[in-house]
């Protein structure tokens, strides 16, 4: 798994910002599948209804619920995915502070799913570690081109997401 933490609004360190967590799940045995990986994009939101559909700036990552905000189309209807920090506590949203606080420790998150108005159900755990040697500048995540395996994207959600993803796919200097 590959992951990246981001601050969406770009506010200065020490001020609240929308926290983003992009997860890339690799599928080494995908064969002729459209992609050998799936991207899941989570943002800091609320956890209950209606907050799970509202972006919420946060000072810290540890207490921030992170959700997909827009549902996937599951076999039995719409499904949201969420994550909450299990350990360690006290991770700031400042990227420098996050790296410094996490250090050699692992960031452990509980993974959850729900319907748009339902209760969250835990289905797994993900453990992430910093990779000091990773080169991130060209790493781009795209939930439209690399949807979650086994789920579909609603057409309305694809239309909402596509313009921003199209911009992020452009190479620097393209107009």
C-alpha atoms as a PDB file:
ATOM      1  CA  UNK A   1       0.000   0.000   0.000  1.00  0.00           C
ATOM      2  CA  UNK A   2       1.139   3.519  -0.777  1.00  0.00           C
ATOM      3  CA  UNK A   3      -0.281   6.516   1.067  1.00  0.00           C
ATOM      4  CA  UNK A   4       0.047  10.275   1.147  1.00  0.00           C
ATOM      5  CA  UNK A   5      -1.171  12.839   3.667  1.00  0.00           C
ATOM      6  CA  UNK A   6      -2.005  16.298   2.380  1.00  0.00           C
ATOM      7  CA  UNK A   7      -3.394  19.661   3.399  1.00  0.00           C
ATOM      8  CA  UNK A   8      -5.981  20.747   0.848  1.00  0.00           C
ATOM      9  CA  UNK A   9      -6.412  24.457   1.444  1.00  0.00           C
ATOM     10  CA  UNK A  10      -2.720  25.184   1.909  1.00  0.00           C
ATOM     11  CA  UNK A  11      -3.167  27.244   5.057  1.00  0.00           C
ATOM     12  CA  UNK A  12       0.018  28.037   6.997  1.00  0.00           C
ATOM     13  CA  UNK A  13       1.199  25.511   9.584  1.00  0.00           C
ATOM     14  CA  UNK A  14      -0.521  26.068  12.907  1.00  0.00           C
ATOM     15  CA  UNK A  15      -3.869  26.892  11.267  1.00  0.00           C
ATOM     16  CA  UNK A  16      -6.639  24.369  10.608  1.00  0.00           C
ATOM     17  CA  UNK A  17      -6.769  22.803   7.148  1.00  0.00           C
ATOM     18  CA  UNK A  18      -8.669  20.075   5.336  1.00  0.00           C
ATOM     19  CA  UNK A  19      -6.638  16.913   5.902  1.00  0.00           C
ATOM     20  CA  UNK A  20      -6.466  14.465   3.013  1.00  0.00           C
ATOM     21  CA  UNK A  21      -5.350  10.852   3.055  1.00  0.00           C
ATOM     22  CA  UNK A  22      -4.856   9.086  -0.262  1.00  0.00           C
ATOM     23  CA  UNK A  23      -4.490   5.311  -0.142  1.00  0.00           C
ATOM     24  CA  UNK A  24      -3.286   3.247  -3.088  1.00  0.00           C
ATOM     25  CA  UNK A  25      -4.085  -0.444  -2.766  1.00  0.00           C
ATOM     26  CA  UNK A  26      -1.944  -2.553  -5.078  1.00  0.00           C
ATOM     27  CA  UNK A  27      -3.445  -5.605  -6.835  1.00  0.00           C
ATOM     28  CA  UNK A  28      -0.411  -7.621  -7.976  1.00  0.00           C
ATOM     29  CA  UNK A  29      -2.521 -10.447  -9.424  1.00  0.00           C
ATOM     30  CA  UNK A  30      -4.976  -8.194 -11.278  1.00  0.00           C
ATOM     31  CA  UNK A  31      -4.248  -9.783 -14.650  1.00  0.00           C
ATOM     32  CA  UNK A  32      -6.122  -7.987 -17.434  1.00  0.00           C
ATOM     33  CA  UNK A  33      -7.963  -5.691 -14.990  1.00  0.00           C
ATOM     34  CA  UNK A  34      -8.246  -2.025 -15.965  1.00  0.00           C
ATOM     35  CA  UNK A  35      -5.739  -1.095 -13.267  1.00  0.00           C
ATOM     36  CA  UNK A  36      -3.240  -2.886 -11.050  1.00  0.00           C
ATOM     37  CA  UNK A  37      -4.216  -0.660  -8.121  1.00  0.00           C
ATOM     38  CA  UNK A  38      -7.155   1.222  -6.601  1.00  0.00           C
ATOM     39  CA  UNK A  39      -7.050   4.723  -5.138  1.00  0.00           C
ATOM     40  CA  UNK A  40      -9.200   5.704  -2.160  1.00  0.00           C
ATOM     41  CA  UNK A  41      -9.289   9.399  -1.296  1.00  0.00           C
ATOM     42  CA  UNK A  42     -10.351  10.410   2.203  1.00  0.00           C
ATOM     43  CA  UNK A  43     -10.810  13.925   3.590  1.00  0.00           C
ATOM     44  CA  UNK A  44     -11.403  15.353   7.048  1.00  0.00           C
ATOM     45  CA  UNK A  45     -15.148  15.520   7.594  1.00  0.00           C
ATOM     46  CA  UNK A  46     -17.575  14.878  10.390  1.00  0.00           C
ATOM     47  CA  UNK A  47     -18.497  11.329  11.395  1.00  0.00           C
ATOM     48  CA  UNK A  48     -22.251  11.607  11.927  1.00  0.00           C
ATOM     49  CA  UNK A  49     -24.978  12.740   9.523  1.00  0.00           C
ATOM     50  CA  UNK A  50     -24.835  15.385   8.016  1.00  0.00           C
ATOM     51  CA  UNK A  51     -21.193  16.076   8.982  1.00  0.00           C
ATOM     52  CA  UNK A  52     -19.835  13.102   7.021  1.00  0.00           C
ATOM     53  CA  UNK A  53     -20.697  15.078   3.874  1.00  0.00           C
ATOM     54  CA  UNK A  54     -18.988  18.313   4.974  1.00  0.00           C
ATOM     55  CA  UNK A  55     -15.268  19.088   4.671  1.00  0.00           C
ATOM     56  CA  UNK A  56     -13.947  20.192   8.066  1.00  0.00           C
ATOM     57  CA  UNK A  57     -10.604  21.910   8.663  1.00  0.00           C
ATOM     58  CA  UNK A  58      -8.603  20.299  11.474  1.00  0.00           C
ATOM     59  CA  UNK A  59      -5.615  21.237  13.617  1.00  0.00           C
ATOM     60  CA  UNK A  60      -4.724  17.610  14.261  1.00  0.00           C
ATOM     61  CA  UNK A  61      -4.920  14.395  12.287  1.00  0.00           C
ATOM     62  CA  UNK A  62      -5.331  11.956  15.187  1.00  0.00           C
ATOM     63  CA  UNK A  63      -8.839  13.106  16.084  1.00  0.00           C
ATOM     64  CA  UNK A  64      -9.983  13.852  12.526  1.00  0.00           C
ATOM     65  CA  UNK A  65     -12.509  11.474  11.001  1.00  0.00           C
ATOM     66  CA  UNK A  66     -11.550  10.881   7.375  1.00  0.00           C
ATOM     67  CA  UNK A  67     -14.224   9.797   4.882  1.00  0.00           C
ATOM     68  CA  UNK A  68     -14.754   9.371   1.164  1.00  0.00           C
ATOM     69  CA  UNK A  69     -17.597  11.907   1.476  1.00  0.00           C
ATOM     70  CA  UNK A  70     -19.054  10.665  -1.841  1.00  0.00           C
ATOM     71  CA  UNK A  71     -20.394   7.115  -1.836  1.00  0.00           C
ATOM     72  CA  UNK A  72     -19.279   4.193  -3.926  1.00  0.00           C
ATOM     73  CA  UNK A  73     -21.941   2.127  -5.662  1.00  0.00           C
ATOM     74  CA  UNK A  74     -21.946  -1.181  -3.815  1.00  0.00           C
ATOM     75  CA  UNK A  75     -23.928  -4.326  -4.562  1.00  0.00           C
ATOM     76  CA  UNK A  76     -26.579  -3.285  -2.034  1.00  0.00           C
ATOM     77  CA  UNK A  77     -26.513   0.481  -2.607  1.00  0.00           C
ATOM     78  CA  UNK A  78     -24.335   3.459  -1.687  1.00  0.00           C
ATOM     79  CA  UNK A  79     -21.343   2.868   0.610  1.00  0.00           C
ATOM     80  CA  UNK A  80     -19.036   5.376   2.282  1.00  0.00           C
ATOM     81  CA  UNK A  81     -15.588   4.465   3.569  1.00  0.00           C
ATOM     82  CA  UNK A  82     -14.014   6.090   6.595  1.00  0.00           C
ATOM     83  CA  UNK A  83     -10.861   5.930   8.677  1.00  0.00           C
ATOM     84  CA  UNK A  84     -10.030   6.943  12.239  1.00  0.00           C
ATOM     85  CA  UNK A  85      -6.662   7.028  13.938  1.00  0.00           C
ATOM     86  CA  UNK A  86      -6.132   4.265  16.494  1.00  0.00           C
ATOM     87  CA  UNK A  87      -2.534   5.240  17.338  1.00  0.00           C
ATOM     88  CA  UNK A  88      -0.576   7.339  17.987  1.00  0.00           C
ATOM     89  CA  UNK A  89      -2.496  10.206  19.548  1.00  0.00           C
ATOM     90  CA  UNK A  90      -1.562  13.839  19.050  1.00  0.00           C
ATOM     91  CA  UNK A  91      -0.561  13.859  15.369  1.00  0.00           C
ATOM     92  CA  UNK A  92      -0.750  17.467  14.097  1.00  0.00           C
ATOM     93  CA  UNK A  93      -2.085  18.412  10.649  1.00  0.00           C
ATOM     94  CA  UNK A  94       1.104  20.339   9.836  1.00  0.00           C
ATOM     95  CA  UNK A  95       3.000  18.054   7.452  1.00  0.00           C
ATOM     96  CA  UNK A  96       6.373  18.813   9.046  1.00  0.00           C
ATOM     97  CA  UNK A  97       4.876  18.316  12.491  1.00  0.00           C
ATOM     98  CA  UNK A  98       3.206  15.098  11.369  1.00  0.00           C
ATOM     99  CA  UNK A  99       6.507  13.647  10.097  1.00  0.00           C
ATOM    100  CA  UNK A 100       8.344  14.772  13.239  1.00  0.00           C
ATOM    101  CA  UNK A 101       5.658  13.404  15.603  1.00  0.00           C
ATOM    102  CA  UNK A 102       5.281  10.087  13.799  1.00  0.00           C
ATOM    103  CA  UNK A 103       9.009   9.502  13.357  1.00  0.00           C
ATOM    104  CA  UNK A 104       9.733   5.772  13.296  1.00  0.00           C
ATOM    105  CA  UNK A 105       6.320   4.904  14.776  1.00  0.00           C
ATOM    106  CA  UNK A 106       3.477   3.416  12.758  1.00  0.00           C
ATOM    107  CA  UNK A 107       0.244   5.290  12.075  1.00  0.00           C
ATOM    108  CA  UNK A 108      -2.567   2.848  12.690  1.00  0.00           C
ATOM    109  CA  UNK A 109      -6.057   3.565  11.384  1.00  0.00           C
ATOM    110  CA  UNK A 110      -9.314   1.688  11.753  1.00  0.00           C
ATOM    111  CA  UNK A 111     -11.210   1.309   8.475  1.00  0.00           C
ATOM    112  CA  UNK A 112     -14.998   1.619   8.448  1.00  0.00           C
ATOM    113  CA  UNK A 113     -17.947   1.500   6.065  1.00  0.00           C
ATOM    114  CA  UNK A 114     -21.504   2.820   6.252  1.00  0.00           C
ATOM    115  CA  UNK A 115     -24.503   3.728   4.163  1.00  0.00           C
ATOM    116  CA  UNK A 116     -25.124   7.477   3.726  1.00  0.00           C
ATOM    117  CA  UNK A 117     -27.336   7.640   6.831  1.00  0.00           C
ATOM    118  CA  UNK A 118     -26.270   4.479   8.664  1.00  0.00           C
ATOM    119  CA  UNK A 119     -23.935   3.536  11.487  1.00  0.00           C
ATOM    120  CA  UNK A 120     -20.238   2.997  10.859  1.00  0.00           C
ATOM    121  CA  UNK A 121     -18.973  -0.606  10.924  1.00  0.00           C
ATOM    122  CA  UNK A 122     -15.308  -1.417  11.334  1.00  0.00           C
ATOM    123  CA  UNK A 123     -13.959  -3.818   8.727  1.00  0.00           C
ATOM    124  CA  UNK A 124     -10.205  -3.556   8.992  1.00  0.00           C
ATOM    125  CA  UNK A 125      -7.030  -1.838  10.072  1.00  0.00           C
ATOM    126  CA  UNK A 126      -4.284  -0.233   8.047  1.00  0.00           C
ATOM    127  CA  UNK A 127      -0.804   0.437   9.396  1.00  0.00           C
ATOM    128  CA  UNK A 128       1.299   3.086   7.661  1.00  0.00           C
ATOM    129  CA  UNK A 129       4.939   4.061   8.153  1.00  0.00           C
ATOM    130  CA  UNK A 130       6.939   6.967   6.822  1.00  0.00           C
ATOM    131  CA  UNK A 131       9.195   6.171   3.889  1.00  0.00           C
ATOM    132  CA  UNK A 132      11.969   8.734   4.122  1.00  0.00           C
ATOM    133  CA  UNK A 133      13.396   7.728   0.742  1.00  0.00           C
ATOM    134  CA  UNK A 134      10.107   8.062  -1.156  1.00  0.00           C
ATOM    135  CA  UNK A 135       9.983  10.577  -3.992  1.00  0.00           C
ATOM    136  CA  UNK A 136       6.454  12.016  -3.982  1.00  0.00           C
ATOM    137  CA  UNK A 137       6.542  14.918  -6.404  1.00  0.00           C
ATOM    138  CA  UNK A 138       5.133  12.913  -9.329  1.00  0.00           C
ATOM    139  CA  UNK A 139       2.856  10.645  -7.295  1.00  0.00           C
ATOM    140  CA  UNK A 140      -0.760  11.363  -8.217  1.00  0.00           C
ATOM    141  CA  UNK A 141      -3.864   9.629  -6.941  1.00  0.00           C
ATOM    142  CA  UNK A 142      -7.027   9.460  -9.050  1.00  0.00           C
ATOM    143  CA  UNK A 143     -10.174   7.718  -7.821  1.00  0.00           C
ATOM    144  CA  UNK A 144     -11.829   8.188 -11.245  1.00  0.00           C
ATOM    145  CA  UNK A 145      -9.139   6.376 -13.270  1.00  0.00           C
ATOM    146  CA  UNK A 146      -8.348   3.895 -10.474  1.00  0.00           C
ATOM    147  CA  UNK A 147     -11.650   3.101  -8.731  1.00  0.00           C
ATOM    148  CA  UNK A 148     -11.972   0.812  -5.754  1.00  0.00           C
ATOM    149  CA  UNK A 149     -11.906  -2.808  -6.925  1.00  0.00           C
ATOM    150  CA  UNK A 150     -15.304  -4.458  -6.599  1.00  0.00           C
ATOM    151  CA  UNK A 151     -17.193  -1.165  -6.373  1.00  0.00           C
ATOM    152  CA  UNK A 152     -18.407   1.338  -8.914  1.00  0.00           C
ATOM    153  CA  UNK A 153     -18.524   5.107  -8.960  1.00  0.00           C
ATOM    154  CA  UNK A 154     -21.900   6.780  -9.374  1.00  0.00           C
ATOM    155  CA  UNK A 155     -22.053   8.785 -12.588  1.00  0.00           C
ATOM    156  CA  UNK A 156     -22.949  11.987 -10.681  1.00  0.00           C
ATOM    157  CA  UNK A 157     -19.897  11.505  -8.433  1.00  0.00           C
ATOM    158  CA  UNK A 158     -17.662  10.934 -11.460  1.00  0.00           C
ATOM    159  CA  UNK A 159     -18.965  14.172 -13.027  1.00  0.00           C
ATOM    160  CA  UNK A 160     -18.288  16.111  -9.818  1.00  0.00           C
ATOM    161  CA  UNK A 161     -14.753  14.723  -9.453  1.00  0.00           C
ATOM    162  CA  UNK A 162     -13.618  14.613 -13.081  1.00  0.00           C
ATOM    163  CA  UNK A 163     -12.799  18.338 -13.605  1.00  0.00           C
ATOM    164  CA  UNK A 164     -10.410  18.505 -10.642  1.00  0.00           C
ATOM    165  CA  UNK A 165      -8.813  15.160 -11.515  1.00  0.00           C
ATOM    166  CA  UNK A 166      -8.354  16.251 -15.131  1.00  0.00           C
ATOM    167  CA  UNK A 167      -6.452  19.310 -13.865  1.00  0.00           C
ATOM    168  CA  UNK A 168      -4.272  17.211 -11.573  1.00  0.00           C
ATOM    169  CA  UNK A 169      -3.408  14.824 -14.437  1.00  0.00           C
ATOM    170  CA  UNK A 170      -1.809  17.618 -16.462  1.00  0.00           C
ATOM    171  CA  UNK A 171       1.951  17.801 -16.515  1.00  0.00           C
ATOM    172  CA  UNK A 172       3.519  20.942 -15.008  1.00  0.00           C
ATOM    173  CA  UNK A 173       3.680  23.655 -17.669  1.00  0.00           C
ATOM    174  CA  UNK A 174       0.721  22.307 -19.694  1.00  0.00           C
ATOM    175  CA  UNK A 175      -1.959  24.892 -20.331  1.00  0.00           C
END
